[in-house]
């Protein structure tokens, strides 16, 4: 397994107390971890890129663990998640798709085999590119109060031969959730949807 070459990492935690309405008793926390890694396929077309996906699996676990730690260390507080990737200009969108399994399965495993699919986004861009990473509930994608997105980016990444890998987690629904639909307390947990 080749070494994952990391240039830098960023972890951020946001606490939201209110959005103009009443102040929440417990603030909503939204966290992201970004890692800037060397793209082994930059600048050339490679037919079989799946070996890098396998190489990224332990790295996905490390990133997910660091995100749980940033939220206090207890996976039980995490209710929402998402993932994404920004591929530098010498790469292709498919290189960002390599993050689906290592990033998504790592979070699902560390959060107690979460049931819902991990929403995802990816794009090709240069340094400073911003990415809106979608968020849904970890056990039921139809929990409307957890539909959200976290904007991420790094001012000097990705360089042409890099990929910015992203994981995000939240501790609850939007701070003033009141648009109806399935509530987290009503999840049946049968299929990852409801």
N, C-alpha and C. Protein backbone atom coordinates (compact mmCIF):
# COMPACT_ATOMS: atom_id res chain seq x y z
N UNK A 1 0.84 -1.19 0.00
CA UNK A 1 0.00 0.00 0.00
C UNK A 1 0.88 1.25 0.00
N UNK A 2 0.75 2.11 -1.02
CA UNK A 2 1.54 3.34 -1.04
C UNK A 2 1.11 4.28 0.08
N UNK A 3 2.04 5.09 0.51
CA UNK A 3 1.75 6.07 1.55
C UNK A 3 0.88 7.18 0.98
N UNK A 4 -0.11 7.62 1.77
CA UNK A 4 -0.93 8.77 1.38
C UNK A 4 -0.10 10.01 1.72
N UNK A 5 0.21 10.81 0.73
CA UNK A 5 1.04 11.99 0.94
C UNK A 5 0.15 13.19 1.26
N UNK A 6 0.17 13.61 2.52
CA UNK A 6 -0.67 14.70 3.01
C UNK A 6 0.16 15.97 3.12
N UNK A 7 -0.32 17.05 2.48
CA UNK A 7 0.36 18.34 2.60
C UNK A 7 -0.14 19.12 3.81
N UNK A 8 -1.44 19.06 4.06
CA UNK A 8 -1.99 19.78 5.21
C UNK A 8 -3.36 19.23 5.54
N UNK A 9 -3.81 19.57 6.74
CA UNK A 9 -5.13 19.16 7.20
C UNK A 9 -5.77 20.32 7.95
N UNK A 10 -7.06 20.43 7.85
CA UNK A 10 -7.81 21.48 8.53
C UNK A 10 -9.02 20.85 9.21
N UNK A 11 -9.20 21.16 10.49
CA UNK A 11 -10.40 20.74 11.22
C UNK A 11 -11.06 22.00 11.75
N UNK A 12 -12.36 22.10 11.53
CA UNK A 12 -13.10 23.26 11.99
C UNK A 12 -14.39 22.82 12.67
N UNK A 13 -14.75 23.50 13.74
CA UNK A 13 -16.00 23.24 14.44
C UNK A 13 -16.74 24.56 14.60
N UNK A 14 -17.97 24.57 14.16
CA UNK A 14 -18.83 25.75 14.24
C UNK A 14 -19.92 25.46 15.27
N UNK A 15 -20.20 26.43 16.13
CA UNK A 15 -21.30 26.31 17.09
C UNK A 15 -22.35 27.35 16.73
N UNK A 16 -23.59 26.89 16.57
CA UNK A 16 -24.68 27.79 16.21
C UNK A 16 -25.64 27.88 17.39
N UNK A 17 -25.82 29.11 17.90
CA UNK A 17 -26.68 29.34 19.06
C UNK A 17 -28.10 29.72 18.65
N UNK A 18 -28.24 30.46 17.56
CA UNK A 18 -29.55 30.80 17.02
C UNK A 18 -29.36 31.34 15.60
N UNK A 19 -30.47 31.41 14.88
CA UNK A 19 -30.48 31.97 13.52
C UNK A 19 -31.49 33.11 13.47
N UNK A 20 -31.54 33.88 14.54
CA UNK A 20 -32.48 34.99 14.61
C UNK A 20 -33.67 34.70 15.50
N UNK A 21 -33.86 33.43 15.86
CA UNK A 21 -34.95 33.06 16.75
C UNK A 21 -34.42 32.88 18.16
N UNK A 22 -35.11 32.10 18.97
CA UNK A 22 -34.68 31.89 20.35
C UNK A 22 -33.33 31.18 20.42
N UNK A 23 -32.56 31.48 21.45
CA UNK A 23 -31.26 30.85 21.65
C UNK A 23 -31.48 29.41 22.10
N UNK A 24 -30.78 28.49 21.46
CA UNK A 24 -30.91 27.07 21.78
C UNK A 24 -30.27 26.76 23.13
N UNK A 25 -30.88 25.85 23.85
CA UNK A 25 -30.31 25.40 25.12
C UNK A 25 -28.95 24.75 24.88
N UNK A 26 -28.89 23.93 23.83
CA UNK A 26 -27.63 23.28 23.42
C UNK A 26 -27.33 23.73 22.01
N UNK A 27 -26.19 24.37 21.76
CA UNK A 27 -25.89 24.81 20.41
C UNK A 27 -25.68 23.64 19.45
N UNK A 28 -26.04 23.85 18.21
CA UNK A 28 -25.76 22.89 17.16
C UNK A 28 -24.28 23.01 16.80
N UNK A 29 -23.61 21.88 16.71
CA UNK A 29 -22.22 21.88 16.26
C UNK A 29 -22.15 21.26 14.87
N UNK A 30 -21.40 21.93 13.99
CA UNK A 30 -21.15 21.44 12.63
C UNK A 30 -19.64 21.43 12.46
N UNK A 31 -19.09 20.28 12.09
CA UNK A 31 -17.64 20.16 12.00
C UNK A 31 -17.23 19.59 10.64
N UNK A 32 -16.02 19.96 10.23
CA UNK A 32 -15.47 19.46 8.97
C UNK A 32 -13.99 19.16 9.16
N UNK A 33 -13.53 18.12 8.49
CA UNK A 33 -12.10 17.84 8.40
C UNK A 33 -11.76 17.77 6.92
N UNK A 34 -10.71 18.47 6.54
CA UNK A 34 -10.23 18.49 5.16
C UNK A 34 -8.78 18.05 5.16
N UNK A 35 -8.44 17.20 4.22
CA UNK A 35 -7.04 16.78 4.06
C UNK A 35 -6.63 17.01 2.61
N UNK A 36 -5.50 17.65 2.43
CA UNK A 36 -4.96 17.92 1.10
C UNK A 36 -3.93 16.84 0.81
N UNK A 37 -4.25 15.97 -0.16
CA UNK A 37 -3.39 14.84 -0.47
C UNK A 37 -2.92 14.88 -1.92
N UNK A 38 -1.79 14.25 -2.16
CA UNK A 38 -1.24 14.13 -3.51
C UNK A 38 -2.14 13.21 -4.33
N UNK A 39 -2.47 13.62 -5.54
CA UNK A 39 -3.25 12.80 -6.46
C UNK A 39 -2.29 11.95 -7.28
N UNK A 40 -2.25 10.63 -7.07
CA UNK A 40 -1.30 9.80 -7.79
C UNK A 40 -1.59 9.67 -9.28
N UNK A 41 -2.78 10.11 -9.71
CA UNK A 41 -3.15 9.99 -11.12
C UNK A 41 -3.16 11.33 -11.85
N UNK A 42 -2.71 12.38 -11.20
CA UNK A 42 -2.74 13.72 -11.81
C UNK A 42 -1.91 13.75 -13.09
N UNK A 43 -2.44 14.42 -14.09
CA UNK A 43 -1.71 14.65 -15.32
C UNK A 43 -1.72 13.51 -16.33
N UNK A 44 -2.45 12.43 -16.03
CA UNK A 44 -2.48 11.31 -16.97
C UNK A 44 -3.76 10.51 -16.76
N UNK A 45 -4.17 9.82 -17.82
CA UNK A 45 -5.34 8.95 -17.70
C UNK A 45 -4.86 7.56 -17.30
N UNK A 46 -5.47 7.04 -16.23
CA UNK A 46 -5.17 5.68 -15.77
C UNK A 46 -6.48 4.92 -15.74
N UNK A 47 -6.53 3.77 -16.41
CA UNK A 47 -7.77 3.00 -16.48
C UNK A 47 -8.18 2.45 -15.12
N UNK A 48 -7.27 1.80 -14.41
CA UNK A 48 -7.61 1.16 -13.13
C UNK A 48 -7.15 2.05 -11.97
N UNK A 49 -8.09 2.83 -11.46
CA UNK A 49 -7.76 3.74 -10.36
C UNK A 49 -8.22 3.22 -9.00
N UNK A 50 -8.89 2.08 -8.98
CA UNK A 50 -9.43 1.56 -7.72
C UNK A 50 -8.39 1.22 -6.67
N UNK A 51 -7.14 0.87 -7.02
CA UNK A 51 -6.17 0.63 -5.95
C UNK A 51 -6.00 1.81 -4.99
N UNK A 52 -6.12 3.05 -5.49
CA UNK A 52 -5.99 4.20 -4.59
C UNK A 52 -7.18 4.28 -3.63
N UNK A 53 -8.36 3.84 -4.08
CA UNK A 53 -9.52 3.80 -3.19
C UNK A 53 -9.24 2.86 -2.02
N UNK A 54 -8.65 1.72 -2.31
CA UNK A 54 -8.28 0.78 -1.24
C UNK A 54 -7.25 1.39 -0.30
N UNK A 55 -6.28 2.11 -0.88
CA UNK A 55 -5.24 2.75 -0.07
C UNK A 55 -5.82 3.79 0.87
N UNK A 56 -6.91 4.44 0.46
CA UNK A 56 -7.51 5.52 1.25
C UNK A 56 -8.36 5.02 2.42
N UNK A 57 -8.69 3.73 2.47
CA UNK A 57 -9.60 3.25 3.51
C UNK A 57 -9.09 3.48 4.93
N UNK A 58 -7.84 3.14 5.28
CA UNK A 58 -7.38 3.45 6.64
C UNK A 58 -7.33 4.96 6.90
N UNK A 59 -7.02 5.73 5.87
CA UNK A 59 -6.98 7.18 6.00
C UNK A 59 -8.37 7.73 6.30
N UNK A 60 -9.40 7.15 5.68
CA UNK A 60 -10.78 7.55 5.95
C UNK A 60 -11.13 7.35 7.41
N UNK A 61 -10.72 6.23 7.98
CA UNK A 61 -10.97 5.97 9.40
C UNK A 61 -10.27 6.99 10.29
N UNK A 62 -9.04 7.33 9.94
CA UNK A 62 -8.28 8.33 10.71
C UNK A 62 -8.97 9.69 10.67
N UNK A 63 -9.42 10.09 9.47
CA UNK A 63 -10.12 11.38 9.34
C UNK A 63 -11.43 11.38 10.12
N UNK A 64 -12.21 10.30 10.00
CA UNK A 64 -13.49 10.24 10.70
C UNK A 64 -13.28 10.28 12.21
N UNK A 65 -12.28 9.59 12.70
CA UNK A 65 -11.98 9.59 14.14
C UNK A 65 -11.61 11.00 14.60
N UNK A 66 -10.80 11.71 13.81
CA UNK A 66 -10.40 13.07 14.20
C UNK A 66 -11.61 14.00 14.25
N UNK A 67 -12.58 13.76 13.40
CA UNK A 67 -13.79 14.60 13.38
C UNK A 67 -14.66 14.31 14.62
N UNK A 68 -14.81 13.04 14.96
CA UNK A 68 -15.54 12.69 16.18
C UNK A 68 -14.84 13.30 17.39
N UNK A 69 -13.53 13.22 17.43
CA UNK A 69 -12.76 13.81 18.53
C UNK A 69 -12.99 15.32 18.62
N UNK A 70 -13.06 15.99 17.46
CA UNK A 70 -13.28 17.44 17.44
C UNK A 70 -14.65 17.81 18.00
N UNK A 71 -15.59 16.86 17.90
CA UNK A 71 -16.94 17.09 18.43
C UNK A 71 -17.08 16.60 19.87
N UNK A 72 -15.97 16.26 20.51
CA UNK A 72 -15.99 15.88 21.92
C UNK A 72 -15.66 14.42 22.20
N UNK A 73 -15.52 13.60 21.17
CA UNK A 73 -15.08 12.23 21.34
C UNK A 73 -16.16 11.18 21.49
N UNK A 74 -17.41 11.59 21.60
CA UNK A 74 -18.51 10.63 21.77
C UNK A 74 -19.28 10.50 20.46
N UNK A 75 -19.17 9.36 19.76
CA UNK A 75 -19.89 9.21 18.48
C UNK A 75 -21.41 9.32 18.63
N UNK A 76 -21.92 9.09 19.83
CA UNK A 76 -23.37 9.14 20.05
C UNK A 76 -23.96 10.53 19.84
N UNK A 77 -23.14 11.60 19.89
CA UNK A 77 -23.68 12.95 19.69
C UNK A 77 -23.85 13.29 18.21
N UNK A 78 -23.26 12.50 17.33
CA UNK A 78 -23.31 12.80 15.89
C UNK A 78 -24.64 12.33 15.31
N UNK A 79 -25.34 13.26 14.65
CA UNK A 79 -26.62 12.94 14.03
C UNK A 79 -26.64 13.13 12.52
N UNK A 80 -25.70 13.91 12.00
CA UNK A 80 -25.69 14.17 10.56
C UNK A 80 -24.29 14.00 10.00
N UNK A 81 -24.23 13.69 8.68
CA UNK A 81 -22.92 13.56 8.04
C UNK A 81 -22.98 13.79 6.54
N UNK A 82 -21.79 13.96 5.95
CA UNK A 82 -21.64 14.12 4.51
C UNK A 82 -20.18 14.03 4.14
N UNK A 83 -19.90 13.99 2.85
CA UNK A 83 -18.52 13.88 2.39
C UNK A 83 -18.38 14.59 1.04
N UNK A 84 -17.13 14.89 0.68
CA UNK A 84 -16.89 15.53 -0.61
C UNK A 84 -15.42 15.51 -0.97
N UNK A 85 -15.14 15.98 -2.18
CA UNK A 85 -13.76 16.05 -2.65
C UNK A 85 -13.65 17.16 -3.69
N UNK A 86 -12.52 17.86 -3.63
CA UNK A 86 -12.18 18.85 -4.66
C UNK A 86 -10.89 18.35 -5.31
N UNK A 87 -10.96 18.09 -6.61
CA UNK A 87 -9.82 17.56 -7.36
C UNK A 87 -9.12 18.71 -8.06
N UNK A 88 -7.80 18.74 -7.96
CA UNK A 88 -7.02 19.77 -8.65
C UNK A 88 -7.12 19.64 -10.16
N UNK A 89 -6.75 20.69 -10.88
CA UNK A 89 -6.98 20.79 -12.32
C UNK A 89 -6.25 19.76 -13.17
N UNK A 90 -5.22 19.10 -12.67
CA UNK A 90 -4.55 18.05 -13.43
C UNK A 90 -5.20 16.69 -13.22
N UNK A 91 -6.30 16.67 -12.44
CA UNK A 91 -7.02 15.43 -12.20
C UNK A 91 -8.36 15.45 -12.89
N UNK A 92 -9.18 14.47 -12.58
CA UNK A 92 -10.52 14.38 -13.17
C UNK A 92 -11.53 14.08 -12.07
N UNK A 93 -12.79 14.35 -12.36
CA UNK A 93 -13.85 14.19 -11.37
C UNK A 93 -13.87 12.78 -10.79
N UNK A 94 -13.51 11.78 -11.60
CA UNK A 94 -13.52 10.39 -11.13
C UNK A 94 -12.53 10.15 -10.00
N UNK A 95 -11.47 10.95 -9.95
CA UNK A 95 -10.51 10.82 -8.85
C UNK A 95 -11.17 11.22 -7.53
N UNK A 96 -12.08 12.17 -7.56
CA UNK A 96 -12.83 12.54 -6.37
C UNK A 96 -13.81 11.46 -5.95
N UNK A 97 -14.33 10.71 -6.93
CA UNK A 97 -15.26 9.62 -6.64
C UNK A 97 -14.58 8.49 -5.86
N UNK A 98 -13.27 8.43 -5.90
CA UNK A 98 -12.54 7.42 -5.14
C UNK A 98 -12.75 7.57 -3.63
N UNK A 99 -13.24 8.71 -3.18
CA UNK A 99 -13.45 8.99 -1.76
C UNK A 99 -14.77 8.41 -1.24
N UNK A 100 -15.68 8.00 -2.14
CA UNK A 100 -17.00 7.51 -1.71
C UNK A 100 -16.89 6.39 -0.68
N UNK A 101 -16.19 5.34 -0.99
CA UNK A 101 -16.11 4.19 -0.08
C UNK A 101 -15.25 4.49 1.15
N UNK A 102 -14.01 4.97 0.99
CA UNK A 102 -13.19 5.19 2.19
C UNK A 102 -13.76 6.23 3.14
N UNK A 103 -14.32 7.30 2.64
CA UNK A 103 -14.87 8.34 3.51
C UNK A 103 -16.21 7.94 4.10
N UNK A 104 -17.10 7.44 3.27
CA UNK A 104 -18.44 7.10 3.73
C UNK A 104 -18.47 5.91 4.68
N UNK A 105 -17.83 4.84 4.30
CA UNK A 105 -17.85 3.65 5.15
C UNK A 105 -17.12 3.87 6.46
N UNK A 106 -16.10 4.70 6.46
CA UNK A 106 -15.37 4.99 7.70
C UNK A 106 -16.31 5.68 8.70
N UNK A 107 -17.05 6.68 8.24
CA UNK A 107 -17.96 7.37 9.15
C UNK A 107 -19.06 6.43 9.63
N UNK A 108 -19.63 5.65 8.71
CA UNK A 108 -20.70 4.75 9.10
C UNK A 108 -20.22 3.74 10.14
N UNK A 109 -19.01 3.24 9.96
CA UNK A 109 -18.46 2.26 10.91
C UNK A 109 -18.25 2.87 12.29
N UNK A 110 -17.61 4.04 12.33
CA UNK A 110 -17.28 4.65 13.62
C UNK A 110 -18.50 5.22 14.34
N UNK A 111 -19.58 5.43 13.60
CA UNK A 111 -20.81 5.94 14.21
C UNK A 111 -21.79 4.82 14.54
N UNK A 112 -21.29 3.60 14.64
CA UNK A 112 -22.13 2.49 15.03
C UNK A 112 -22.93 1.90 13.89
N UNK A 113 -22.31 1.77 12.74
CA UNK A 113 -22.96 1.22 11.55
C UNK A 113 -24.21 2.01 11.17
N UNK A 114 -24.02 3.31 11.01
CA UNK A 114 -25.10 4.20 10.59
C UNK A 114 -25.76 3.64 9.32
N UNK A 115 -27.04 3.83 9.20
CA UNK A 115 -27.83 3.18 8.15
C UNK A 115 -27.96 3.98 6.85
N UNK A 116 -27.98 5.30 6.94
CA UNK A 116 -28.25 6.12 5.75
C UNK A 116 -27.02 6.25 4.86
N UNK A 117 -27.27 6.35 3.58
CA UNK A 117 -26.19 6.62 2.65
C UNK A 117 -25.58 7.97 3.01
N UNK A 118 -24.28 8.10 2.84
CA UNK A 118 -23.60 9.36 3.15
C UNK A 118 -23.70 10.25 1.91
N UNK A 119 -24.39 11.39 2.01
CA UNK A 119 -24.50 12.26 0.84
C UNK A 119 -23.13 12.79 0.45
N UNK A 120 -22.98 13.12 -0.83
CA UNK A 120 -21.65 13.46 -1.32
C UNK A 120 -21.71 14.46 -2.45
N UNK A 121 -20.59 15.15 -2.62
CA UNK A 121 -20.41 16.03 -3.76
C UNK A 121 -18.94 16.08 -4.11
N UNK A 122 -18.65 16.43 -5.33
CA UNK A 122 -17.26 16.55 -5.78
C UNK A 122 -17.20 17.49 -6.97
N UNK A 123 -16.00 18.06 -7.17
CA UNK A 123 -15.81 18.94 -8.32
C UNK A 123 -14.32 19.05 -8.59
N UNK A 124 -14.00 19.55 -9.76
CA UNK A 124 -12.62 19.88 -10.13
C UNK A 124 -12.47 21.39 -9.98
N UNK A 125 -11.36 21.82 -9.37
CA UNK A 125 -11.15 23.25 -9.18
C UNK A 125 -9.74 23.55 -8.74
N UNK A 126 -9.43 24.81 -8.69
CA UNK A 126 -8.09 25.25 -8.30
C UNK A 126 -8.03 25.70 -6.86
N UNK A 127 -6.90 26.26 -6.46
CA UNK A 127 -6.73 26.73 -5.09
C UNK A 127 -7.84 27.71 -4.70
N UNK A 128 -8.38 27.50 -3.50
CA UNK A 128 -9.43 28.37 -3.00
C UNK A 128 -10.84 27.94 -3.38
N UNK A 129 -10.98 26.89 -4.18
CA UNK A 129 -12.30 26.42 -4.57
C UNK A 129 -13.11 26.07 -3.33
N UNK A 130 -14.37 26.49 -3.31
CA UNK A 130 -15.27 26.19 -2.21
C UNK A 130 -16.19 25.04 -2.63
N UNK A 131 -16.63 24.26 -1.65
CA UNK A 131 -17.48 23.11 -1.91
C UNK A 131 -18.59 23.10 -0.87
N UNK A 132 -19.84 22.97 -1.31
CA UNK A 132 -20.97 22.81 -0.40
C UNK A 132 -21.20 21.32 -0.22
N UNK A 133 -20.89 20.81 0.97
CA UNK A 133 -21.02 19.39 1.26
C UNK A 133 -22.40 19.14 1.88
N UNK A 134 -23.23 18.29 1.22
CA UNK A 134 -24.57 18.04 1.74
C UNK A 134 -24.52 17.22 3.02
N UNK A 135 -25.54 17.41 3.86
CA UNK A 135 -25.66 16.71 5.14
C UNK A 135 -27.05 16.10 5.24
N UNK A 136 -27.12 14.85 5.70
CA UNK A 136 -28.39 14.23 6.06
C UNK A 136 -28.21 13.48 7.38
N UNK A 137 -29.33 13.03 7.94
CA UNK A 137 -29.29 12.26 9.19
C UNK A 137 -28.54 10.95 8.95
N UNK A 138 -27.82 10.47 9.97
CA UNK A 138 -26.98 9.28 9.81
C UNK A 138 -27.78 7.98 9.69
N UNK A 139 -29.02 7.97 10.11
CA UNK A 139 -29.79 6.72 10.07
C UNK A 139 -31.03 6.77 9.18
N UNK A 140 -31.43 7.94 8.71
CA UNK A 140 -32.62 8.04 7.87
C UNK A 140 -32.50 9.29 7.00
N UNK A 141 -32.29 9.07 5.74
CA UNK A 141 -32.08 10.19 4.81
C UNK A 141 -33.28 11.12 4.69
N UNK A 142 -34.48 10.67 5.07
CA UNK A 142 -35.67 11.51 4.92
C UNK A 142 -35.96 12.41 6.12
N UNK A 143 -35.07 12.47 7.09
CA UNK A 143 -35.28 13.37 8.22
C UNK A 143 -35.01 14.80 7.74
N UNK A 144 -36.08 15.51 7.45
CA UNK A 144 -36.00 16.81 6.78
C UNK A 144 -35.23 17.86 7.58
N UNK A 145 -35.33 17.83 8.90
CA UNK A 145 -34.64 18.82 9.73
C UNK A 145 -33.12 18.74 9.66
N UNK A 146 -32.60 17.62 9.18
CA UNK A 146 -31.16 17.45 9.07
C UNK A 146 -30.63 17.76 7.66
N UNK A 147 -31.53 18.09 6.71
CA UNK A 147 -31.07 18.50 5.38
C UNK A 147 -30.29 19.79 5.54
N UNK A 148 -29.03 19.77 5.18
CA UNK A 148 -28.18 20.93 5.38
C UNK A 148 -26.99 20.83 4.43
N UNK A 149 -26.09 21.77 4.52
CA UNK A 149 -24.84 21.74 3.77
C UNK A 149 -23.81 22.55 4.54
N UNK A 150 -22.57 22.15 4.44
CA UNK A 150 -21.47 22.87 5.07
C UNK A 150 -20.50 23.28 3.98
N UNK A 151 -20.24 24.58 3.89
CA UNK A 151 -19.30 25.09 2.89
C UNK A 151 -17.88 24.95 3.42
N UNK A 152 -17.00 24.39 2.59
CA UNK A 152 -15.61 24.19 2.98
C UNK A 152 -14.68 24.62 1.86
N UNK A 153 -13.42 24.81 2.21
CA UNK A 153 -12.38 25.13 1.24
C UNK A 153 -11.12 25.55 1.96
N UNK A 154 -10.04 25.55 1.22
CA UNK A 154 -8.73 25.97 1.74
C UNK A 154 -8.13 26.93 0.73
N UNK A 155 -7.60 28.05 1.22
CA UNK A 155 -7.16 29.11 0.30
C UNK A 155 -6.10 28.68 -0.71
N UNK A 156 -5.23 27.72 -0.37
CA UNK A 156 -4.16 27.35 -1.31
C UNK A 156 -4.28 25.90 -1.79
N UNK A 157 -5.50 25.38 -1.80
CA UNK A 157 -5.69 23.99 -2.21
C UNK A 157 -7.04 23.85 -2.92
N UNK A 158 -7.11 22.90 -3.85
CA UNK A 158 -6.05 21.98 -4.25
C UNK A 158 -5.15 22.58 -5.33
N UNK A 159 -3.87 22.27 -5.22
CA UNK A 159 -2.97 22.54 -6.33
C UNK A 159 -3.30 21.53 -7.43
N UNK A 160 -2.75 21.73 -8.62
CA UNK A 160 -3.13 20.91 -9.77
C UNK A 160 -3.01 19.42 -9.52
N UNK A 161 -2.01 19.02 -8.75
CA UNK A 161 -1.76 17.59 -8.54
C UNK A 161 -2.26 17.09 -7.17
N UNK A 162 -3.27 17.76 -6.62
CA UNK A 162 -3.78 17.39 -5.31
C UNK A 162 -5.28 17.11 -5.34
N UNK A 163 -5.74 16.51 -4.24
CA UNK A 163 -7.17 16.32 -3.98
C UNK A 163 -7.42 16.78 -2.54
N UNK A 164 -8.49 17.55 -2.34
CA UNK A 164 -8.92 17.89 -1.00
C UNK A 164 -10.05 16.90 -0.64
N UNK A 165 -9.79 16.06 0.36
CA UNK A 165 -10.78 15.09 0.82
C UNK A 165 -11.50 15.69 2.02
N UNK A 166 -12.83 15.54 2.06
CA UNK A 166 -13.64 16.22 3.08
C UNK A 166 -14.62 15.25 3.73
N UNK A 167 -14.72 15.33 5.06
CA UNK A 167 -15.78 14.68 5.83
C UNK A 167 -16.43 15.74 6.71
N UNK A 168 -17.75 15.67 6.88
CA UNK A 168 -18.45 16.60 7.76
C UNK A 168 -19.40 15.83 8.66
N UNK A 169 -19.62 16.37 9.87
CA UNK A 169 -20.57 15.80 10.82
C UNK A 169 -21.28 16.93 11.56
N UNK A 170 -22.51 16.65 11.99
CA UNK A 170 -23.26 17.61 12.79
C UNK A 170 -23.86 16.90 14.00
N UNK A 171 -24.22 17.69 15.00
CA UNK A 171 -24.79 17.11 16.23
C UNK A 171 -26.32 17.19 16.28
N UNK A 172 -26.94 17.65 15.22
CA UNK A 172 -28.40 17.72 15.26
C UNK A 172 -28.99 18.37 14.02
N UNK A 173 -30.28 18.64 14.13
CA UNK A 173 -31.01 19.29 13.04
C UNK A 173 -30.63 20.77 12.96
N UNK A 174 -31.07 21.42 11.88
CA UNK A 174 -30.87 22.87 11.79
C UNK A 174 -31.43 23.51 13.05
N UNK A 175 -30.82 24.57 13.49
CA UNK A 175 -31.09 25.12 14.82
C UNK A 175 -32.56 25.51 15.04
N UNK A 176 -33.25 25.98 14.02
CA UNK A 176 -34.66 26.34 14.16
C UNK A 176 -35.53 25.50 13.22
N UNK A 177 -35.25 24.22 13.14
CA UNK A 177 -35.98 23.29 12.28
C UNK A 177 -37.47 23.35 12.58
N UNK A 178 -38.26 23.70 11.56
CA UNK A 178 -39.71 23.75 11.76
C UNK A 178 -40.48 23.63 10.44
N UNK A 179 -39.94 22.82 9.50
CA UNK A 179 -40.61 22.65 8.20
C UNK A 179 -41.31 21.30 8.08
N UNK A 180 -41.47 20.59 9.19
CA UNK A 180 -42.23 19.34 9.18
C UNK A 180 -41.44 18.15 8.66
N UNK A 181 -42.17 17.12 8.26
CA UNK A 181 -41.55 15.90 7.77
C UNK A 181 -41.14 14.97 8.91
N UNK A 182 -40.45 13.91 8.56
CA UNK A 182 -40.00 12.90 9.51
C UNK A 182 -39.05 13.53 10.53
N UNK A 183 -39.30 13.25 11.79
CA UNK A 183 -38.43 13.72 12.88
C UNK A 183 -37.48 12.60 13.28
N UNK A 184 -36.31 12.96 13.80
CA UNK A 184 -35.32 11.97 14.21
C UNK A 184 -35.90 11.00 15.24
N UNK A 185 -36.74 11.47 16.13
CA UNK A 185 -37.32 10.61 17.17
C UNK A 185 -38.28 9.56 16.60
N UNK A 186 -38.70 9.75 15.32
CA UNK A 186 -39.66 8.83 14.69
C UNK A 186 -39.01 7.89 13.66
N UNK A 187 -37.70 7.83 13.61
CA UNK A 187 -37.01 6.96 12.65
C UNK A 187 -37.33 5.50 12.97
N UNK A 188 -37.67 4.74 11.92
CA UNK A 188 -37.91 3.31 12.08
C UNK A 188 -36.61 2.52 11.93
N UNK A 189 -35.69 3.04 11.13
CA UNK A 189 -34.37 2.41 10.98
C UNK A 189 -34.35 1.13 10.18
N UNK A 190 -35.30 0.95 9.29
CA UNK A 190 -35.37 -0.28 8.51
C UNK A 190 -34.52 -0.28 7.25
N UNK A 191 -34.39 0.89 6.64
CA UNK A 191 -33.77 0.90 5.32
C UNK A 191 -32.81 2.07 5.06
N UNK A 192 -32.52 2.87 6.07
CA UNK A 192 -31.65 4.02 5.86
C UNK A 192 -32.37 5.22 5.28
N UNK A 193 -33.64 5.08 4.98
CA UNK A 193 -34.42 6.18 4.41
C UNK A 193 -35.37 6.77 5.44
N UNK A 194 -36.08 5.92 6.17
CA UNK A 194 -37.10 6.37 7.12
C UNK A 194 -36.83 5.77 8.47
